[in-house]
């Protein structure tokens, strides 16, 4: 599902712009990933 979603987003960038709700979700996901990486490094 993640791969399909990413491919769809890259295939239809205009759809992403049309859906402003998707932008914050992606930003939140990025922050979570960064925080998780930081936590692993801290350990």
PDB file of N, CA and C in Angstrom:
ATOM      1  N   UNK A   1       0.853  -1.209   0.000  1.00  0.00           N
ATOM      2  CA  UNK A   1       0.000   0.000   0.000  1.00  0.00           C
ATOM      3  C   UNK A   1       0.887   1.256   0.000  1.00  0.00           C
ATOM      4  N   UNK A   2       1.939   1.220   0.782  1.00  0.00           N
ATOM      5  CA  UNK A   2       2.794   2.423   0.867  1.00  0.00           C
ATOM      6  C   UNK A   2       3.433   2.674  -0.510  1.00  0.00           C
ATOM      7  N   UNK A   3       3.944   1.613  -1.105  1.00  0.00           N
ATOM      8  CA  UNK A   3       4.600   1.794  -2.413  1.00  0.00           C
ATOM      9  C   UNK A   3       3.601   2.311  -3.450  1.00  0.00           C
ATOM     10  N   UNK A   4       2.415   1.743  -3.446  1.00  0.00           N
ATOM     11  CA  UNK A   4       1.402   2.182  -4.427  1.00  0.00           C
ATOM     12  C   UNK A   4       1.070   3.650  -4.204  1.00  0.00           C
ATOM     13  N   UNK A   5       0.905   4.022  -2.955  1.00  0.00           N
ATOM     14  CA  UNK A   5       0.547   5.433  -2.655  1.00  0.00           C
ATOM     15  C   UNK A   5       1.682   6.349  -3.136  1.00  0.00           C
ATOM     16  N   UNK A   6       2.894   5.981  -2.865  1.00  0.00           N
ATOM     17  CA  UNK A   6       4.025   6.832  -3.275  1.00  0.00           C
ATOM     18  C   UNK A   6       4.050   6.953  -4.796  1.00  0.00           C
ATOM     19  N   UNK A   7       3.873   5.809  -5.477  1.00  0.00           N
ATOM     20  CA  UNK A   7       3.901   5.836  -6.947  1.00  0.00           C
ATOM     21  C   UNK A   7       2.780   6.731  -7.468  1.00  0.00           C
ATOM     22  N   UNK A   8       1.607   6.615  -6.881  1.00  0.00           N
ATOM     23  CA  UNK A   8       0.461   7.432  -7.329  1.00  0.00           C
ATOM     24  C   UNK A   8       0.789   8.913  -7.133  1.00  0.00           C
ATOM     25  N   UNK A   9       1.360   9.231  -5.994  1.00  0.00           N
ATOM     26  CA  UNK A   9       1.668  10.646  -5.703  1.00  0.00           C
ATOM     27  C   UNK A   9       2.663  11.174  -6.736  1.00  0.00           C
ATOM     28  N   UNK A  10       3.662  10.358  -7.060  1.00  0.00           N
ATOM     29  CA  UNK A  10       4.677  10.813  -8.025  1.00  0.00           C
ATOM     30  C   UNK A  10       4.081  10.875  -9.431  1.00  0.00           C
ATOM     31  N   UNK A  11       3.172   9.949  -9.711  1.00  0.00           N
ATOM     32  CA  UNK A  11       2.556   9.901 -11.042  1.00  0.00           C
ATOM     33  C   UNK A  11       1.580  11.076 -11.221  1.00  0.00           C
ATOM     34  N   UNK A  12       0.895  11.434 -10.152  1.00  0.00           N
ATOM     35  CA  UNK A  12      -0.074  12.548 -10.250  1.00  0.00           C
ATOM     36  C   UNK A  12       0.236  13.605  -9.204  1.00  0.00           C
ATOM     37  N   UNK A  13       1.235  14.434  -9.442  1.00  0.00           N
ATOM     38  CA  UNK A  13       1.616  15.496  -8.493  1.00  0.00           C
ATOM     39  C   UNK A  13       0.515  16.542  -8.361  1.00  0.00           C
ATOM     40  N   UNK A  14      -0.249  16.742  -9.439  1.00  0.00           N
ATOM     41  CA  UNK A  14      -1.302  17.767  -9.366  1.00  0.00           C
ATOM     42  C   UNK A  14      -2.379  17.317  -8.380  1.00  0.00           C
ATOM     43  N   UNK A  15      -2.574  16.004  -8.256  1.00  0.00           N
ATOM     44  CA  UNK A  15      -3.591  15.507  -7.305  1.00  0.00           C
ATOM     45  C   UNK A  15      -3.170  15.894  -5.879  1.00  0.00           C
ATOM     46  N   UNK A  16      -1.900  15.820  -5.608  1.00  0.00           N
ATOM     47  CA  UNK A  16      -1.401  16.170  -4.269  1.00  0.00           C
ATOM     48  C   UNK A  16      -1.731  17.629  -3.967  1.00  0.00           C
ATOM     49  N   UNK A  17      -1.525  18.471  -4.975  1.00  0.00           N
ATOM     50  CA  UNK A  17      -1.773  19.901  -4.773  1.00  0.00           C
ATOM     51  C   UNK A  17      -3.261  20.155  -4.579  1.00  0.00           C
ATOM     52  N   UNK A  18      -4.062  19.340  -5.238  1.00  0.00           N
ATOM     53  CA  UNK A  18      -5.517  19.515  -5.136  1.00  0.00           C
ATOM     54  C   UNK A  18      -6.007  19.075  -3.758  1.00  0.00           C
ATOM     55  N   UNK A  19      -5.240  18.180  -3.133  1.00  0.00           N
ATOM     56  CA  UNK A  19      -5.632  17.696  -1.800  1.00  0.00           C
ATOM     57  C   UNK A  19      -4.713  18.301  -0.736  1.00  0.00           C
ATOM     58  N   UNK A  20      -5.048  19.458  -0.211  1.00  0.00           N
ATOM     59  CA  UNK A  20      -4.201  20.110   0.807  1.00  0.00           C
ATOM     60  C   UNK A  20      -4.111  19.260   2.074  1.00  0.00           C
ATOM     61  N   UNK A  21      -5.068  18.382   2.263  1.00  0.00           N
ATOM     62  CA  UNK A  21      -5.073  17.565   3.482  1.00  0.00           C
ATOM     63  C   UNK A  21      -3.899  16.559   3.408  1.00  0.00           C
ATOM     64  N   UNK A  22      -3.490  16.220   2.204  1.00  0.00           N
ATOM     65  CA  UNK A  22      -2.418  15.225   2.055  1.00  0.00           C
ATOM     66  C   UNK A  22      -1.059  15.810   2.428  1.00  0.00           C
ATOM     67  N   UNK A  23      -0.902  17.109   2.202  1.00  0.00           N
ATOM     68  CA  UNK A  23       0.395  17.759   2.478  1.00  0.00           C
ATOM     69  C   UNK A  23       0.764  17.645   3.969  1.00  0.00           C
ATOM     70  N   UNK A  24      -0.121  18.028   4.882  1.00  0.00           N
ATOM     71  CA  UNK A  24       0.221  17.939   6.312  1.00  0.00           C
ATOM     72  C   UNK A  24       0.444  16.490   6.739  1.00  0.00           C
ATOM     73  N   UNK A  25      -0.296  15.584   6.176  1.00  0.00           N
ATOM     74  CA  UNK A  25      -0.128  14.167   6.543  1.00  0.00           C
ATOM     75  C   UNK A  25       1.288  13.710   6.169  1.00  0.00           C
ATOM     76  N   UNK A  26       1.714  14.066   4.961  1.00  0.00           N
ATOM     77  CA  UNK A  26       3.074  13.669   4.522  1.00  0.00           C
ATOM     78  C   UNK A  26       4.108  14.336   5.429  1.00  0.00           C
ATOM     79  N   UNK A  27       3.870  15.578   5.787  1.00  0.00           N
ATOM     80  CA  UNK A  27       4.840  16.311   6.637  1.00  0.00           C
ATOM     81  C   UNK A  27       4.887  15.618   8.003  1.00  0.00           C
ATOM     82  N   UNK A  28       3.752  15.242   8.519  1.00  0.00           N
ATOM     83  CA  UNK A  28       3.724  14.587   9.838  1.00  0.00           C
ATOM     84  C   UNK A  28       4.481  13.252   9.739  1.00  0.00           C
ATOM     85  N   UNK A  29       4.310  12.555   8.663  1.00  0.00           N
ATOM     86  CA  UNK A  29       4.970  11.229   8.491  1.00  0.00           C
ATOM     87  C   UNK A  29       6.489  11.475   8.479  1.00  0.00           C
ATOM     88  N   UNK A  30       6.920  12.503   7.811  1.00  0.00           N
ATOM     89  CA  UNK A  30       8.359  12.783   7.731  1.00  0.00           C
ATOM     90  C   UNK A  30       8.901  13.055   9.132  1.00  0.00           C
ATOM     91  N   UNK A  31       8.173  13.844   9.897  1.00  0.00           N
ATOM     92  CA  UNK A  31       8.615  14.180  11.256  1.00  0.00           C
ATOM     93  C   UNK A  31       8.703  12.909  12.102  1.00  0.00           C
ATOM     94  N   UNK A  32       7.714  12.060  11.968  1.00  0.00           N
ATOM     95  CA  UNK A  32       7.718  10.816  12.754  1.00  0.00           C
ATOM     96  C   UNK A  32       8.947   9.981  12.387  1.00  0.00           C
ATOM     97  N   UNK A  33       9.208   9.874  11.112  1.00  0.00           N
ATOM     98  CA  UNK A  33      10.365   9.065  10.670  1.00  0.00           C
ATOM     99  C   UNK A  33      11.645   9.672  11.230  1.00  0.00           C
ATOM    100  N   UNK A  34      11.751  10.989  11.149  1.00  0.00           N
ATOM    101  CA  UNK A  34      12.978  11.658  11.649  1.00  0.00           C
ATOM    102  C   UNK A  34      13.095  11.423  13.157  1.00  0.00           C
ATOM    103  N   UNK A  35      12.001  11.543  13.872  1.00  0.00           N
ATOM    104  CA  UNK A  35      12.044  11.357  15.334  1.00  0.00           C
ATOM    105  C   UNK A  35      12.458   9.917  15.650  1.00  0.00           C
ATOM    106  N   UNK A  36      11.924   8.984  14.909  1.00  0.00           N
ATOM    107  CA  UNK A  36      12.255   7.568  15.156  1.00  0.00           C
ATOM    108  C   UNK A  36      13.750   7.344  14.916  1.00  0.00           C
ATOM    109  N   UNK A  37      14.258   7.930  13.864  1.00  0.00           N
ATOM    110  CA  UNK A  37      15.698   7.768  13.541  1.00  0.00           C
ATOM    111  C   UNK A  37      16.529   8.392  14.667  1.00  0.00           C
ATOM    112  N   UNK A  38      16.100   9.535  15.134  1.00  0.00           N
ATOM    113  CA  UNK A  38      16.849  10.224  16.198  1.00  0.00           C
ATOM    114  C   UNK A  38      16.835   9.346  17.453  1.00  0.00           C
ATOM    115  N   UNK A  39      15.701   8.757  17.733  1.00  0.00           N
ATOM    116  CA  UNK A  39      15.576   7.936  18.949  1.00  0.00           C
ATOM    117  C   UNK A  39      16.537   6.746  18.828  1.00  0.00           C
ATOM    118  N   UNK A  40      16.589   6.147  17.697  1.00  0.00           N
ATOM    119  CA  UNK A  40      17.481   4.983  17.513  1.00  0.00           C
ATOM    120  C   UNK A  40      18.939   5.427  17.709  1.00  0.00           C
ATOM    121  N   UNK A  41      19.264   6.582  17.179  1.00  0.00           N
ATOM    122  CA  UNK A  41      20.644   7.090  17.289  1.00  0.00           C
ATOM    123  C   UNK A  41      20.953   7.376  18.771  1.00  0.00           C
ATOM    124  N   UNK A  42      19.983   7.924  19.465  1.00  0.00           N
ATOM    125  CA  UNK A  42      20.190   8.266  20.882  1.00  0.00           C
ATOM    126  C   UNK A  42      20.465   6.986  21.681  1.00  0.00           C
ATOM    127  N   UNK A  43      19.771   5.914  21.343  1.00  0.00           N
ATOM    128  CA  UNK A  43      19.951   4.665  22.087  1.00  0.00           C
ATOM    129  C   UNK A  43      21.348   4.148  21.799  1.00  0.00           C
TER     130      UNK A  43
END
